[in-house]
Amino acid sequence: MMIFNQSEFDLSCEWGKQGGILSYLSGSLSPEAEAAVAVFNNFKNDFFAILKKCSSGKELIARGFESDVELAAMINVSDCVPVFTQLYYVRQSIF
């Protein structure tokens, strides 16, 4: 079992979040992107538990935003994304 310090763990969290996005893209990936996807695949079954241990997750929870961290950990729950147009965001369907 590997033991990580908080900075190394936070880096894994960042790679996991990026890997989550990259895992749904088609095309070839750089070695770094492949590593990020591997981190995501390792964490995705309990992503909320992992995000709660990251510095940013701990900070948000301490400020009363645990539900935001939980929402950020959800996978494939949205059918739209915010798109910035001119001066504001609009809802854009992804399907």
Protein backbone atom coordinates (compact mmCIF):
# COMPACT_ATOMS: atom_id res chain seq x y z
CA MET A 1 0.00 0.00 0.00
CA MET A 2 1.35 3.41 -0.96
CA ILE A 3 1.25 6.25 1.54
CA PHE A 4 0.76 9.76 0.14
CA ASN A 5 1.32 13.11 1.78
CA GLN A 6 -1.49 15.67 1.38
CA SER A 7 0.15 17.40 -1.61
CA GLU A 8 0.60 14.11 -3.46
CA PHE A 9 -2.96 13.11 -2.63
CA ASP A 10 -4.25 16.47 -3.89
CA LEU A 11 -2.37 15.95 -7.15
CA SER A 12 -4.08 12.55 -7.51
CA CYS A 13 -7.44 14.23 -6.91
CA GLU A 14 -6.75 16.79 -9.63
CA TRP A 15 -5.65 14.07 -12.04
CA GLY A 16 -8.77 12.08 -11.14
CA LYS A 17 -11.06 15.01 -11.93
CA GLN A 18 -9.28 15.67 -15.21
CA GLY A 19 -9.28 11.96 -16.04
CA GLY A 20 -13.04 11.89 -15.59
CA ILE A 21 -13.45 14.37 -18.41
CA LEU A 22 -10.74 12.82 -20.57
CA SER A 23 -12.25 9.35 -20.22
CA TYR A 24 -15.22 10.45 -22.33
CA LEU A 25 -13.20 11.99 -25.16
CA SER A 26 -12.41 10.10 -28.32
CA GLY A 27 -9.05 10.13 -30.04
CA SER A 28 -5.55 9.46 -28.88
CA LEU A 29 -4.37 10.62 -25.47
CA SER A 30 -0.97 11.80 -24.32
CA PRO A 31 0.78 9.65 -21.70
CA GLU A 32 -0.18 12.23 -19.07
CA ALA A 33 -3.83 12.10 -20.13
CA GLU A 34 -3.75 8.28 -20.03
CA ALA A 35 -2.37 8.49 -16.49
CA ALA A 36 -5.17 10.88 -15.49
CA VAL A 37 -7.78 8.48 -16.91
CA ALA A 38 -6.17 5.63 -14.96
CA VAL A 39 -6.40 7.65 -11.73
CA PHE A 40 -10.05 8.44 -12.43
CA ASN A 41 -10.87 4.79 -13.17
CA ASN A 42 -9.25 3.83 -9.88
CA PHE A 43 -11.31 6.37 -7.88
CA LYS A 44 -14.62 6.55 -9.76
CA ASN A 45 -16.52 3.97 -7.70
CA ASP A 46 -16.30 6.18 -4.61
CA PHE A 47 -15.28 9.56 -5.99
CA PHE A 48 -17.12 11.48 -3.25
CA ALA A 49 -15.05 9.79 -0.53
CA ILE A 50 -11.87 10.71 -2.40
CA LEU A 51 -12.88 14.34 -2.97
CA LYS A 52 -13.72 14.73 0.73
CA LYS A 53 -10.08 13.92 1.52
CA CYS A 54 -8.62 16.47 -0.92
CA SER A 55 -7.59 19.87 0.44
CA SER A 56 -10.16 21.67 -1.70
CA GLY A 57 -12.89 19.24 -0.63
CA LYS A 58 -11.96 19.63 3.04
CA GLU A 59 -12.01 23.41 2.70
CA LEU A 60 -15.43 23.45 1.02
CA ILE A 61 -16.88 21.08 3.61
CA ALA A 62 -15.48 23.20 6.45
CA ARG A 63 -17.24 26.23 4.94
CA GLY A 64 -20.56 24.39 4.80
CA PHE A 65 -20.51 23.29 1.15
CA GLU A 66 -20.41 19.50 1.48
CA SER A 67 -23.37 19.16 -0.87
CA ASP A 68 -21.34 20.99 -3.55
CA VAL A 69 -18.51 18.46 -3.14
CA GLU A 70 -21.04 15.64 -3.38
CA LEU A 71 -22.50 17.16 -6.55
CA ALA A 72 -19.01 17.55 -8.05
CA ALA A 73 -18.40 13.83 -7.43
CA MET A 74 -21.48 12.71 -9.35
CA ILE A 75 -20.82 11.11 -12.70
CA ASN A 76 -23.12 11.35 -15.73
CA VAL A 77 -26.00 13.08 -13.96
CA SER A 78 -26.43 16.14 -16.18
CA ASP A 79 -27.95 16.46 -19.62
CA CYS A 80 -26.67 20.00 -20.13
CA VAL A 81 -23.65 22.23 -19.59
CA PRO A 82 -23.34 25.97 -19.01
CA VAL A 83 -22.01 27.81 -22.06
CA PHE A 84 -20.74 31.38 -21.77
CA THR A 85 -22.17 33.58 -24.51
CA GLN A 86 -21.58 37.33 -24.62
CA LEU A 87 -22.10 38.38 -20.99
CA TYR A 88 -23.83 35.43 -19.34
CA TYR A 89 -24.12 31.65 -19.18
CA VAL A 90 -26.87 29.77 -21.01
CA ARG A 91 -28.02 26.19 -20.68
CA GLN A 92 -26.82 23.97 -23.55
CA SER A 93 -28.17 20.45 -24.04
CA ILE A 94 -25.49 17.81 -24.55
CA PHE A 95 -27.79 15.21 -26.06
